Amino acid sequence: MGVTLEQARVIAERFLAQFSTSERPLALYPEPDDEGWSFVFEWNTKRYYRTRDTSDSVGPGSGPIVVVKSSRDVWMLASAPSFDVQLAEYAERNNIRSQGEQARS
């Protein structure tokens, strides 16, 4: 059985904590994207959530955090290629099918 949203959030928070500092604490956005086989959590600085000032935001190059439901693998998307391409490449490398393909099988 795959991870629940709550379990995935804990996994993503622990992963994000590796990059967070007391001077610049980081936080996940409230709702992740559900890709069927993974949850994708966007994140930013806690200060940005309060101010919405781009000067408080994490700059380009730091992508969302992916938690794979079946394996609990966790990793961060890069800024390029597109997130969709990176997700598709990961799924292909790891023989993960989309929910639509699984339903047709």
Protein backbone atom coordinates (compact mmCIF):
# COMPACT_ATOMS: atom_id res chain seq x y z
CA MET A 1 0.00 0.00 0.00
CA GLY A 2 1.24 3.46 -0.86
CA VAL A 3 1.81 6.36 1.47
CA THR A 4 -1.07 8.57 2.51
CA LEU A 5 -1.03 12.31 1.99
CA GLU A 6 -0.23 12.82 5.66
CA GLN A 7 2.70 10.38 5.53
CA ALA A 8 3.97 11.98 2.32
CA ARG A 9 3.83 15.41 3.93
CA VAL A 10 6.00 14.21 6.83
CA ILE A 11 8.51 12.70 4.37
CA ALA A 12 8.60 15.93 2.35
CA GLU A 13 8.97 18.08 5.49
CA ARG A 14 11.92 15.98 6.68
CA PHE A 15 13.54 16.27 3.26
CA LEU A 16 12.98 20.04 3.15
CA ALA A 17 14.43 20.44 6.65
CA GLN A 18 17.84 19.56 5.19
CA PHE A 19 17.81 22.90 3.33
CA SER A 20 16.10 25.05 5.97
CA THR A 21 18.05 27.31 8.32
CA SER A 22 17.06 29.31 11.38
CA GLU A 23 17.74 32.48 9.37
CA ARG A 24 15.64 31.29 6.44
CA PRO A 25 13.14 28.64 7.53
CA LEU A 26 11.29 26.84 4.76
CA ALA A 27 7.74 25.46 4.56
CA LEU A 28 5.63 23.34 2.23
CA TYR A 29 2.60 24.80 0.45
CA PRO A 30 -0.61 23.50 2.03
CA GLU A 31 -1.86 21.35 -0.85
CA PRO A 32 0.39 19.15 -3.02
CA ASP A 33 -0.31 18.08 -6.58
CA ASP A 34 -1.37 14.44 -6.79
CA GLU A 35 0.24 12.87 -9.87
CA GLY A 36 -1.37 9.48 -9.24
CA TRP A 37 1.90 7.75 -8.44
CA SER A 38 3.39 10.63 -6.42
CA PHE A 39 2.66 13.75 -4.45
CA VAL A 40 4.45 16.93 -5.55
CA PHE A 41 4.94 19.54 -2.82
CA GLU A 42 5.83 23.10 -3.68
CA TRP A 43 7.65 25.05 -1.00
CA ASN A 44 9.15 28.42 -0.16
CA THR A 45 10.36 30.44 2.81
CA LYS A 46 8.01 30.91 5.74
CA ARG A 47 8.58 34.66 5.42
CA TYR A 48 7.38 34.58 1.81
CA TYR A 49 4.12 32.99 2.95
CA ARG A 50 3.56 35.92 5.28
CA THR A 51 4.70 38.77 3.02
CA ARG A 52 4.22 37.45 -0.55
CA ASP A 53 7.21 39.68 -1.31
CA THR A 54 9.37 38.10 -4.02
CA SER A 55 12.51 39.30 -2.24
CA ASP A 56 11.58 36.81 0.51
CA SER A 57 11.18 33.98 -1.99
CA VAL A 58 13.63 31.21 -2.81
CA GLY A 59 15.18 31.93 -6.18
CA PRO A 60 15.01 29.90 -9.38
CA GLY A 61 16.61 26.48 -9.49
CA SER A 62 14.84 24.97 -6.52
CA GLY A 63 11.90 22.86 -7.61
CA PRO A 64 9.10 21.07 -5.80
CA ILE A 65 9.64 17.95 -3.71
CA VAL A 66 8.35 14.64 -5.07
CA VAL A 67 7.29 11.77 -2.79
CA VAL A 68 6.68 8.50 -4.64
CA LYS A 69 3.66 6.76 -3.14
CA SER A 70 4.74 3.15 -3.65
CA SER A 71 8.38 3.42 -2.56
CA ARG A 72 8.54 6.52 -0.34
CA ASP A 73 11.39 7.79 -2.52
CA VAL A 74 11.81 11.53 -2.15
CA TRP A 75 13.66 13.96 -4.40
CA MET A 76 13.60 17.54 -5.59
CA LEU A 77 12.77 18.57 -9.12
CA ALA A 78 15.31 20.76 -10.90
CA SER A 79 14.42 23.99 -12.67
CA ALA A 80 14.98 22.37 -16.10
CA PRO A 81 13.80 20.48 -18.03
CA SER A 82 10.12 21.07 -17.25
CA PHE A 83 8.64 19.41 -14.18
CA ASP A 84 6.36 17.30 -16.41
CA VAL A 85 9.37 15.99 -18.34
CA GLN A 86 11.28 15.15 -15.16
CA LEU A 87 8.29 13.33 -13.68
CA ALA A 88 7.73 11.37 -16.89
CA GLU A 89 11.43 10.42 -17.11
CA TYR A 90 11.45 9.24 -13.48
CA ALA A 91 8.28 7.20 -14.04
CA GLU A 92 9.74 5.61 -17.17
CA ARG A 93 13.08 4.78 -15.50
CA ASN A 94 11.25 3.18 -12.59
CA ASN A 95 8.51 1.39 -14.57
CA ILE A 96 5.77 3.46 -12.99
CA ARG A 97 2.55 3.70 -14.95
CA SER A 98 0.04 6.52 -14.66
CA GLN A 99 -3.32 5.84 -13.01
CA GLY A 100 -5.00 5.92 -16.42
CA GLU A 101 -2.70 3.21 -17.77
CA GLN A 102 -3.20 1.10 -14.64
CA ALA A 103 -6.97 1.31 -15.00
CA ARG A 104 -6.79 0.06 -18.60
CA SER A 105 -4.63 -2.95 -17.68
